[in-house]
PDB file of N, CA and C in Angstrom:
ATOM      1  N   MET A   1     197.282  90.952 162.165  1.00  0.00           N
ATOM      2  CA  MET A   1     197.162  90.547 160.793  1.00  0.00           C
ATOM      3  C   MET A   1     196.735  91.706 159.909  1.00  0.00           C
ATOM      4  N   ARG A   2     195.881  92.551 160.405  1.00  0.00           N
ATOM      5  CA  ARG A   2     195.454  93.685 159.594  1.00  0.00           C
ATOM      6  C   ARG A   2     196.583  94.667 159.342  1.00  0.00           C
ATOM      7  N   GLU A   3     197.555  94.712 160.248  1.00  0.00           N
ATOM      8  CA  GLU A   3     198.696  95.588 160.013  1.00  0.00           C
ATOM      9  C   GLU A   3     199.449  95.150 158.769  1.00  0.00           C
ATOM     10  N   ASN A   4     199.467  93.834 158.504  1.00  0.00           N
ATOM     11  CA  ASN A   4     200.147  93.316 157.322  1.00  0.00           C
ATOM     12  C   ASN A   4     199.417  93.688 156.041  1.00  0.00           C
ATOM     13  N   LEU A   5     198.156  94.025 156.127  1.00  0.00           N
ATOM     14  CA  LEU A   5     197.390  94.396 154.949  1.00  0.00           C
ATOM     15  C   LEU A   5     197.483  95.885 154.642  1.00  0.00           C
ATOM     16  N   GLY A   6     198.317  96.585 155.362  1.00  0.00           N
ATOM     17  CA  GLY A   6     198.535  97.990 155.080  1.00  0.00           C
ATOM     18  C   GLY A   6     197.548  98.921 155.753  1.00  0.00           C
ATOM     19  N   LEU A   7     196.871  98.490 156.800  1.00  0.00           N
ATOM     20  CA  LEU A   7     195.914  99.339 157.492  1.00  0.00           C
ATOM     21  C   LEU A   7     196.599 100.067 158.636  1.00  0.00           C
ATOM     22  N   GLU A   8     196.149 101.269 158.865  1.00  0.00           N
ATOM     23  CA  GLU A   8     196.703 102.045 159.968  1.00  0.00           C
ATOM     24  C   GLU A   8     196.062 101.604 161.274  1.00  0.00           C
ATOM     25  N   ALA A   9     196.681 101.962 162.396  1.00  0.00           N
ATOM     26  CA  ALA A   9     196.215 101.523 163.705  1.00  0.00           C
ATOM     27  C   ALA A   9     194.803 102.022 164.004  1.00  0.00           C
ATOM     28  N   ALA A  10     194.437 103.194 163.513  1.00  0.00           N
ATOM     29  CA  ALA A  10     193.103 103.732 163.772  1.00  0.00           C
ATOM     30  C   ALA A  10     192.023 102.951 163.030  1.00  0.00           C
ATOM     31  N   GLU A  11     192.371 102.279 161.956  1.00  0.00           N
ATOM     32  CA  GLU A  11     191.389 101.560 161.152  1.00  0.00           C
ATOM     33  C   GLU A  11     191.169 100.128 161.628  1.00  0.00           C
ATOM     34  N   VAL A  12     191.941  99.656 162.586  1.00  0.00           N
ATOM     35  CA  VAL A  12     191.862  98.259 163.005  1.00  0.00           C
ATOM     36  C   VAL A  12     190.533  97.950 163.671  1.00  0.00           C
ATOM     37  N   GLY A  13     189.959  98.856 164.437  1.00  0.00           N
ATOM     38  CA  GLY A  13     188.755  98.593 165.201  1.00  0.00           C
ATOM     39  C   GLY A  13     187.469  98.633 164.412  1.00  0.00           C
ATOM     40  N   ARG A  14     187.460  99.154 163.200  1.00  0.00           N
ATOM     41  CA  ARG A  14     186.210  99.283 162.459  1.00  0.00           C
ATOM     42  C   ARG A  14     186.127  98.253 161.340  1.00  0.00           C
ATOM     43  N   MET A  15     184.908  98.034 160.882  1.00  0.00           N
ATOM     44  CA  MET A  15     184.686  97.107 159.778  1.00  0.00           C
ATOM     45  C   MET A  15     185.107  97.772 158.469  1.00  0.00           C
ATOM     46  N   LEU A  16     185.676  96.980 157.596  1.00  0.00           N
ATOM     47  CA  LEU A  16     186.090  97.499 156.306  1.00  0.00           C
ATOM     48  C   LEU A  16     184.972  97.324 155.290  1.00  0.00           C
ATOM     49  N   SER A  17     184.840  98.298 154.421  1.00  0.00           N
ATOM     50  CA  SER A  17     183.888  98.132 153.334  1.00  0.00           C
ATOM     51  C   SER A  17     184.487  97.164 152.318  1.00  0.00           C
ATOM     52  N   ARG A  18     183.669  96.726 151.405  1.00  0.00           N
ATOM     53  CA  ARG A  18     184.126  95.771 150.389  1.00  0.00           C
ATOM     54  C   ARG A  18     185.261  96.369 149.557  1.00  0.00           C
ATOM     55  N   ASP A  19     185.120  97.622 149.169  1.00  0.00           N
ATOM     56  CA  ASP A  19     186.146  98.271 148.353  1.00  0.00           C
ATOM     57  C   ASP A  19     187.456  98.437 149.117  1.00  0.00           C
ATOM     58  N   GLU A  20     187.363  98.798 150.389  1.00  0.00           N
ATOM     59  CA  GLU A  20     188.559  98.948 151.204  1.00  0.00           C
ATOM     60  C   GLU A  20     189.263  97.609 151.398  1.00  0.00           C
ATOM     61  N   LEU A  21     188.478  96.562 151.605  1.00  0.00           N
ATOM     62  CA  LEU A  21     189.051  95.239 151.776  1.00  0.00           C
ATOM     63  C   LEU A  21     189.753  94.777 150.503  1.00  0.00           C
ATOM     64  N   LEU A  22     189.101  94.957 149.362  1.00  0.00           N
ATOM     65  CA  LEU A  22     189.723  94.576 148.090  1.00  0.00           C
ATOM     66  C   LEU A  22     190.994  95.383 147.827  1.00  0.00           C
ATOM     67  N   GLN A  23     190.959  96.663 148.152  1.00  0.00           N
ATOM     68  CA  GLN A  23     192.138  97.513 147.965  1.00  0.00           C
ATOM     69  C   GLN A  23     193.294  97.051 148.850  1.00  0.00           C
ATOM     70  N   SER A  24     192.995  96.711 150.105  1.00  0.00           N
ATOM     71  CA  SER A  24     194.064  96.288 151.007  1.00  0.00           C
ATOM     72  C   SER A  24     194.637  94.932 150.598  1.00  0.00           C
ATOM     73  N   VAL A  25     193.780  94.016 150.140  1.00  0.00           N
ATOM     74  CA  VAL A  25     194.268  92.718 149.666  1.00  0.00           C
ATOM     75  C   VAL A  25     195.101  92.904 148.409  1.00  0.00           C
ATOM     76  N   ARG A  26     194.637  93.747 147.497  1.00  0.00           N
ATOM     77  CA  ARG A  26     195.395  94.015 146.272  1.00  0.00           C
ATOM     78  C   ARG A  26     196.759  94.623 146.585  1.00  0.00           C
ATOM     79  N   ASP A  27     196.788  95.585 147.497  1.00  0.00           N
ATOM     80  CA  ASP A  27     198.065  96.196 147.878  1.00  0.00           C
ATOM     81  C   ASP A  27     199.001  95.165 148.494  1.00  0.00           C
ATOM     82  N   HIS A  28     198.439  94.271 149.304  1.00  0.00           N
ATOM     83  CA  HIS A  28     199.268  93.232 149.931  1.00  0.00           C
ATOM     84  C   HIS A  28     199.844  92.293 148.878  1.00  0.00           C
ATOM     85  N   LEU A  29     199.013  91.867 147.919  1.00  0.00           N
ATOM     86  CA  LEU A  29     199.490  90.954 146.875  1.00  0.00           C
ATOM     87  C   LEU A  29     200.524  91.615 145.975  1.00  0.00           C
ATOM     88  N   ILE A  30     200.328  92.883 145.662  1.00  0.00           N
ATOM     89  CA  ILE A  30     201.299  93.598 144.832  1.00  0.00           C
ATOM     90  C   ILE A  30     202.621  93.748 145.571  1.00  0.00           C
ATOM     91  N   GLY A  31     202.564  93.873 146.891  1.00  0.00           N
ATOM     92  CA  GLY A  31     203.771  94.042 147.685  1.00  0.00           C
ATOM     93  C   GLY A  31     204.571  92.769 147.916  1.00  0.00           C
ATOM     94  N   LEU A  32     204.042  91.630 147.525  1.00  0.00           N
ATOM     95  CA  LEU A  32     204.763  90.368 147.720  1.00  0.00           C
ATOM     96  C   LEU A  32     206.006  90.319 146.840  1.00  0.00           C
ATOM     97  N   PRO A  33     207.042  89.617 147.272  1.00  0.00           N
ATOM     98  CA  PRO A  33     208.218  89.452 146.414  1.00  0.00           C
ATOM     99  C   PRO A  33     207.892  88.558 145.211  1.00  0.00           C
ATOM    100  N   ARG A  34     208.704  88.656 144.173  1.00  0.00           N
ATOM    101  CA  ARG A  34     208.455  87.902 142.942  1.00  0.00           C
ATOM    102  C   ARG A  34     208.361  86.392 143.148  1.00  0.00           C
ATOM    103  N   PRO A  35     209.235  85.771 143.951  1.00  0.00           N
ATOM    104  CA  PRO A  35     209.093  84.319 144.148  1.00  0.00           C
ATOM    105  C   PRO A  35     207.746  83.930 144.767  1.00  0.00           C
ATOM    106  N   ALA A  36     207.235  84.739 145.676  1.00  0.00           N
ATOM    107  CA  ALA A  36     205.932  84.445 146.283  1.00  0.00           C
ATOM    108  C   ALA A  36     204.815  84.595 145.255  1.00  0.00           C
ATOM    109  N   LYS A  37     204.927  85.582 144.376  1.00  0.00           N
ATOM    110  CA  LYS A  37     203.924  85.759 143.322  1.00  0.00           C
ATOM    111  C   LYS A  37     203.964  84.588 142.345  1.00  0.00           C
ATOM    112  N   ARG A  38     205.161  84.116 142.014  1.00  0.00           N
ATOM    113  CA  ARG A  38     205.270  82.962 141.119  1.00  0.00           C
ATOM    114  C   ARG A  38     204.650  81.720 141.755  1.00  0.00           C
ATOM    115  N   LEU A  39     204.929  81.504 143.034  1.00  0.00           N
ATOM    116  CA  LEU A  39     204.367  80.356 143.731  1.00  0.00           C
ATOM    117  C   LEU A  39     202.843  80.438 143.775  1.00  0.00           C
ATOM    118  N   LEU A  40     202.315  81.610 144.053  1.00  0.00           N
ATOM    119  CA  LEU A  40     200.867  81.801 144.064  1.00  0.00           C
ATOM    120  C   LEU A  40     200.276  81.530 142.680  1.00  0.00           C
ATOM    121  N   THR A  41     200.951  81.955 141.633  1.00  0.00           N
ATOM    122  CA  THR A  41     200.491  81.710 140.269  1.00  0.00           C
ATOM    123  C   THR A  41     200.527  80.227 139.938  1.00  0.00           C
ATOM    124  N   ILE A  42     201.583  79.535 140.342  1.00  0.00           N
ATOM    125  CA  ILE A  42     201.701  78.097 140.072  1.00  0.00           C
ATOM    126  C   ILE A  42     200.613  77.319 140.799  1.00  0.00           C
ATOM    127  N   VAL A  43     200.382  77.648 142.058  1.00  0.00           N
ATOM    128  CA  VAL A  43     199.342  76.954 142.827  1.00  0.00           C
ATOM    129  C   VAL A  43     197.967  77.200 142.212  1.00  0.00           C
ATOM    130  N   SER A  44     197.696  78.427 141.811  1.00  0.00           N
ATOM    131  CA  SER A  44     196.394  78.696 141.193  1.00  0.00           C
ATOM    132  C   SER A  44     196.277  78.006 139.841  1.00  0.00           C
ATOM    133  N   ASP A  45     197.374  77.905 139.076  1.00  0.00           N
ATOM    134  CA  ASP A  45     197.335  77.180 137.808  1.00  0.00           C
ATOM    135  C   ASP A  45     197.046  75.699 138.015  1.00  0.00           C
ATOM    136  N   ILE A  46     197.666  75.101 139.012  1.00  0.00           N
ATOM    137  CA  ILE A  46     197.399  73.688 139.305  1.00  0.00           C
ATOM    138  C   ILE A  46     195.919  73.490 139.624  1.00  0.00           C
ATOM    139  N   PHE A  47     195.371  74.375 140.434  1.00  0.00           N
ATOM    140  CA  PHE A  47     193.956  74.264 140.791  1.00  0.00           C
ATOM    141  C   PHE A  47     193.062  74.418 139.562  1.00  0.00           C
ATOM    142  N   PHE A  48     193.282  75.467 138.760  1.00  0.00           N
ATOM    143  CA  PHE A  48     192.390  75.739 137.638  1.00  0.00           C
ATOM    144  C   PHE A  48     192.559  74.741 136.496  1.00  0.00           C
ATOM    145  N   ILE A  49     193.767  74.257 136.269  1.00  0.00           N
ATOM    146  CA  ILE A  49     193.962  73.220 135.252  1.00  0.00           C
ATOM    147  C   ILE A  49     193.246  71.942 135.673  1.00  0.00           C
ATOM    148  N   SER A  50     193.367  71.582 136.943  1.00  0.00           N
ATOM    149  CA  SER A  50     192.675  70.391 137.451  1.00  0.00           C
ATOM    150  C   SER A  50     191.161  70.553 137.363  1.00  0.00           C
ATOM    151  N   ALA A  51     190.661  71.729 137.721  1.00  0.00           N
ATOM    152  CA  ALA A  51     189.218  71.972 137.661  1.00  0.00           C
ATOM    153  C   ALA A  51     188.713  71.946 136.217  1.00  0.00           C
ATOM    154  N   ALA A  52     189.491  72.503 135.296  1.00  0.00           N
ATOM    155  CA  ALA A  52     189.075  72.507 133.890  1.00  0.00           C
ATOM    156  C   ALA A  52     189.051  71.092 133.318  1.00  0.00           C
ATOM    157  N   LEU A  53     190.058  70.298 133.632  1.00  0.00           N
ATOM    158  CA  LEU A  53     190.096  68.927 133.129  1.00  0.00           C
ATOM    159  C   LEU A  53     188.992  68.084 133.756  1.00  0.00           C
ATOM    160  N   ALA A  54     188.767  68.240 135.041  1.00  0.00           N
ATOM    161  CA  ALA A  54     187.695  67.494 135.703  1.00  0.00           C
ATOM    162  C   ALA A  54     186.339  67.876 135.122  1.00  0.00           C
ATOM    163  N   SER A  55     186.127  69.156 134.868  1.00  0.00           N
ATOM    164  CA  SER A  55     184.871  69.598 134.253  1.00  0.00           C
ATOM    165  C   SER A  55     184.722  69.020 132.858  1.00  0.00           C
ATOM    166  N   ALA A  56     185.799  69.015 132.096  1.00  0.00           N
ATOM    167  CA  ALA A  56     185.736  68.454 130.743  1.00  0.00           C
ATOM    168  C   ALA A  56     185.405  66.970 130.780  1.00  0.00           C
ATOM    169  N   LEU A  57     185.986  66.246 131.725  1.00  0.00           N
ATOM    170  CA  LEU A  57     185.674  64.818 131.839  1.00  0.00           C
ATOM    171  C   LEU A  57     184.209  64.585 132.175  1.00  0.00           C
ATOM    172  N   VAL A  58     183.684  65.368 133.087  1.00  0.00           N
ATOM    173  CA  VAL A  58     182.288  65.194 133.489  1.00  0.00           C
ATOM    174  C   VAL A  58     181.349  65.600 132.359  1.00  0.00           C
ATOM    175  N   PHE A  59     181.645  66.696 131.668  1.00  0.00           N
ATOM    176  CA  PHE A  59     180.746  67.170 130.611  1.00  0.00           C
ATOM    177  C   PHE A  59     180.786  66.279 129.374  1.00  0.00           C
ATOM    178  N   THR A  60     181.930  65.693 129.061  1.00  0.00           N
ATOM    179  CA  THR A  60     181.996  64.859 127.861  1.00  0.00           C
ATOM    180  C   THR A  60     181.520  63.432 128.121  1.00  0.00           C
ATOM    181  N   ALA A  61     181.871  62.863 129.251  1.00  0.00           N
ATOM    182  CA  ALA A  61     181.529  61.469 129.519  1.00  0.00           C
ATOM    183  C   ALA A  61     180.263  61.324 130.345  1.00  0.00           C
ATOM    184  N   GLY A  62     179.789  62.400 130.926  1.00  0.00           N
ATOM    185  CA  GLY A  62     178.583  62.332 131.735  1.00  0.00           C
ATOM    186  C   GLY A  62     178.879  61.848 133.145  1.00  0.00           C
ATOM    187  N   PRO A  63     177.834  61.567 133.886  1.00  0.00           N
ATOM    188  CA  PRO A  63     178.019  61.163 135.289  1.00  0.00           C
ATOM    189  C   PRO A  63     178.806  59.867 135.460  1.00  0.00           C
ATOM    190  N   GLU A  64     178.822  59.003 134.440  1.00  0.00           N
ATOM    191  CA  GLU A  64     179.580  57.758 134.584  1.00  0.00           C
ATOM    192  C   GLU A  64     181.087  58.004 134.637  1.00  0.00           C
ATOM    193  N   ALA A  65     181.524  59.195 134.280  1.00  0.00           N
ATOM    194  CA  ALA A  65     182.947  59.528 134.388  1.00  0.00           C
ATOM    195  C   ALA A  65     183.392  59.567 135.848  1.00  0.00           C
ATOM    196  N   LEU A  66     182.463  59.778 136.741  1.00  0.00           N
ATOM    197  CA  LEU A  66     182.807  59.805 138.166  1.00  0.00           C
ATOM    198  C   LEU A  66     183.228  58.431 138.655  1.00  0.00           C
ATOM    199  N   ILE A  67     182.794  57.393 137.972  1.00  0.00           N
ATOM    200  CA  ILE A  67     183.094  56.033 138.404  1.00  0.00           C
ATOM    201  C   ILE A  67     184.465  55.578 137.921  1.00  0.00           C
ATOM    202  N   SER A  68     184.856  56.011 136.749  1.00  0.00           N
ATOM    203  CA  SER A  68     186.104  55.555 136.153  1.00  0.00           C
ATOM    204  C   SER A  68     187.307  56.189 136.850  1.00  0.00           C
ATOM    205  N   GLN A  69     188.068  55.368 137.550  1.00  0.00           N
ATOM    206  CA  GLN A  69     189.238  55.861 138.271  1.00  0.00           C
ATOM    207  C   GLN A  69     190.412  56.146 137.341  1.00  0.00           C
ATOM    208  N   LEU A  70     190.461  55.471 136.213  1.00  0.00           N
ATOM    209  CA  LEU A  70     191.570  55.659 135.285  1.00  0.00           C
ATOM    210  C   LEU A  70     191.613  57.075 134.748  1.00  0.00           C
ATOM    211  N   ARG A  71     190.468  57.623 134.392  1.00  0.00           N
ATOM    212  CA  ARG A  71     190.430  58.989 133.878  1.00  0.00           C
ATOM    213  C   ARG A  71     190.810  60.002 134.941  1.00  0.00           C
ATOM    214  N   TRP A  72     190.410  59.754 136.163  1.00  0.00           N
ATOM    215  CA  TRP A  72     190.712  60.713 137.226  1.00  0.00           C
ATOM    216  C   TRP A  72     192.186  60.721 137.596  1.00  0.00           C
ATOM    217  N   MET A  73     192.903  59.660 137.244  1.00  0.00           N
ATOM    218  CA  MET A  73     194.349  59.658 137.478  1.00  0.00           C
ATOM    219  C   MET A  73     195.052  60.643 136.552  1.00  0.00           C
ATOM    220  N   LEU A  74     194.392  61.042 135.465  1.00  0.00           N
ATOM    221  CA  LEU A  74     194.976  61.995 134.529  1.00  0.00           C
ATOM    222  C   LEU A  74     195.006  63.419 135.077  1.00  0.00           C
ATOM    223  N   VAL A  75     194.093  63.731 135.979  1.00  0.00           N
ATOM    224  CA  VAL A  75     193.966  65.114 136.451  1.00  0.00           C
ATOM    225  C   VAL A  75     195.258  65.621 137.091  1.00  0.00           C
ATOM    226  N   PRO A  76     195.821  64.954 138.105  1.00  0.00           N
ATOM    227  CA  PRO A  76     197.069  65.481 138.669  1.00  0.00           C
ATOM    228  C   PRO A  76     198.239  65.374 137.698  1.00  0.00           C
ATOM    229  N   GLN A  77     198.228  64.344 136.835  1.00  0.00           N
ATOM    230  CA  GLN A  77     199.319  64.190 135.883  1.00  0.00           C
ATOM    231  C   GLN A  77     199.346  65.333 134.870  1.00  0.00           C
ATOM    232  N   VAL A  78     198.191  65.692 134.353  1.00  0.00           N
ATOM    233  CA  VAL A  78     198.132  66.786 133.378  1.00  0.00           C
ATOM    234  C   VAL A  78     198.519  68.104 134.031  1.00  0.00           C
ATOM    235  N   ALA A  79     198.037  68.348 135.244  1.00  0.00           N
ATOM    236  CA  ALA A  79     198.370  69.597 135.935  1.00  0.00           C
ATOM    237  C   ALA A  79     199.867  69.681 136.215  1.00  0.00           C
ATOM    238  N   LEU A  80     200.455  68.572 136.658  1.00  0.00           N
ATOM    239  CA  LEU A  80     201.882  68.595 136.969  1.00  0.00           C
ATOM    240  C   LEU A  80     202.753  68.593 135.710  1.00  0.00           C
ATOM    241  N   LEU A  81     202.209  68.158 134.602  1.00  0.00           N
ATOM    242  CA  LEU A  81     202.933  68.229 133.334  1.00  0.00           C
ATOM    243  C   LEU A  81     202.860  69.628 132.740  1.00  0.00           C
ATOM    244  N   ALA A  82     201.753  70.311 132.930  1.00  0.00           N
ATOM    245  CA  ALA A  82     201.577  71.642 132.350  1.00  0.00           C
ATOM    246  C   ALA A  82     202.468  72.685 133.015  1.00  0.00           C
ATOM    247  N   ILE A  83     202.710  72.556 134.300  1.00  0.00           N
ATOM    248  CA  ILE A  83     203.498  73.565 135.021  1.00  0.00           C
ATOM    249  C   ILE A  83     204.918  73.680 134.465  1.00  0.00           C
ATOM    250  N   PRO A  84     205.664  72.573 134.267  1.00  0.00           N
ATOM    251  CA  PRO A  84     206.993  72.727 133.667  1.00  0.00           C
ATOM    252  C   PRO A  84     206.948  73.296 132.240  1.00  0.00           C
ATOM    253  N   VAL A  85     205.907  72.970 131.493  1.00  0.00           N
ATOM    254  CA  VAL A  85     205.769  73.530 130.143  1.00  0.00           C
ATOM    255  C   VAL A  85     205.570  75.039 130.226  1.00  0.00           C
ATOM    256  N   PHE A  86     204.697  75.484 131.106  1.00  0.00           N
ATOM    257  CA  PHE A  86     204.494  76.918 131.295  1.00  0.00           C
ATOM    258  C   PHE A  86     205.790  77.596 131.744  1.00  0.00           C
ATOM    259  N   TRP A  87     206.540  76.927 132.627  1.00  0.00           N
ATOM    260  CA  TRP A  87     207.794  77.493 133.143  1.00  0.00           C
ATOM    261  C   TRP A  87     208.813  77.628 132.012  1.00  0.00           C
ATOM    262  N   LEU A  88     208.958  76.591 131.192  1.00  0.00           N
ATOM    263  CA  LEU A  88     209.922  76.630 130.099  1.00  0.00           C
ATOM    264  C   LEU A  88     209.545  77.658 129.034  1.00  0.00           C
ATOM    265  N   LEU A  89     208.268  77.897 128.857  1.00  0.00           N
ATOM    266  CA  LEU A  89     207.825  78.915 127.905  1.00  0.00           C
ATOM    267  C   LEU A  89     207.979  80.329 128.453  1.00  0.00           C
ATOM    268  N   GLY A  90     208.329  80.455 129.725  1.00  0.00           N
ATOM    269  CA  GLY A  90     208.548  81.768 130.324  1.00  0.00           C
ATOM    270  C   GLY A  90     207.272  82.471 130.751  1.00  0.00           C
ATOM    271  N   LEU A  91     206.190  81.720 130.866  1.00  0.00           N
ATOM    272  CA  LEU A  91     204.911  82.329 131.220  1.00  0.00           C
ATOM    273  C   LEU A  91     204.955  82.993 132.592  1.00  0.00           C
ATOM    274  N   TYR A  92     205.512  82.314 133.571  1.00  0.00           N
ATOM    275  CA  TYR A  92     205.506  82.860 134.938  1.00  0.00           C
ATOM    276  C   TYR A  92     206.404  84.089 135.063  1.00  0.00           C
ATOM    277  N   ARG A  93     207.520  84.068 134.378  1.00  0.00           N
ATOM    278  CA  ARG A  93     208.415  85.227 134.416  1.00  0.00           C
ATOM    279  C   ARG A  93     207.747  86.440 133.789  1.00  0.00           C
ATOM    280  N   ALA A  94     207.097  86.241 132.642  1.00  0.00           N
ATOM    281  CA  ALA A  94     206.465  87.342 131.932  1.00  0.00           C
ATOM    282  C   ALA A  94     205.269  87.890 132.707  1.00  0.00           C
ATOM    283  N   VAL A  95     204.476  87.005 133.294  1.00  0.00           N
ATOM    284  CA  VAL A  95     203.292  87.467 134.019  1.00  0.00           C
ATOM    285  C   VAL A  95     203.687  88.198 135.287  1.00  0.00           C
ATOM    286  N   VAL A  96     204.611  87.640 136.050  1.00  0.00           N
ATOM    287  CA  VAL A  96     204.994  88.237 137.326  1.00  0.00           C
ATOM    288  C   VAL A  96     205.744  89.548 137.119  1.00  0.00           C
ATOM    289  N   ARG A  97     206.417  89.699 136.019  1.00  0.00           N
ATOM    290  CA  ARG A  97     207.145  90.935 135.748  1.00  0.00           C
ATOM    291  C   ARG A  97     206.213  92.136 135.721  1.00  0.00           C
ATOM    292  N   PHE A  98     204.994  91.947 135.253  1.00  0.00           N
ATOM    293  CA  PHE A  98     204.073  93.070 135.097  1.00  0.00           C
ATOM    294  C   PHE A  98     203.061  93.197 136.224  1.00  0.00           C
ATOM    295  N   ILE A  99     203.219  92.383 137.261  1.00  0.00           N
ATOM    296  CA  ILE A  99     202.331  92.495 138.427  1.00  0.00           C
ATOM    297  C   ILE A  99     202.974  93.415 139.449  1.00  0.00           C
TER     298      ILE A  99
END
């Protein structure tokens, strides 16, 4: 697995420093093909949109928002609605082009 992160055979046996690890992960992510980068961006958008909406529900309605199932049904719907909007606006194409 470490070979996939761009490490040489001599570096496999030793522990990586934080900077070396971040550099190798960054190099691996930059080396991914565009479709994989788009998929990674879409998955992270779904997660962060859901987390932002869930946080907004809890902060505005308080702890009783945890009980209401109707509001929580909005979380996946909003996330899945936002992705096609972002796609049609060309957000993923523009972002991935410069990565």
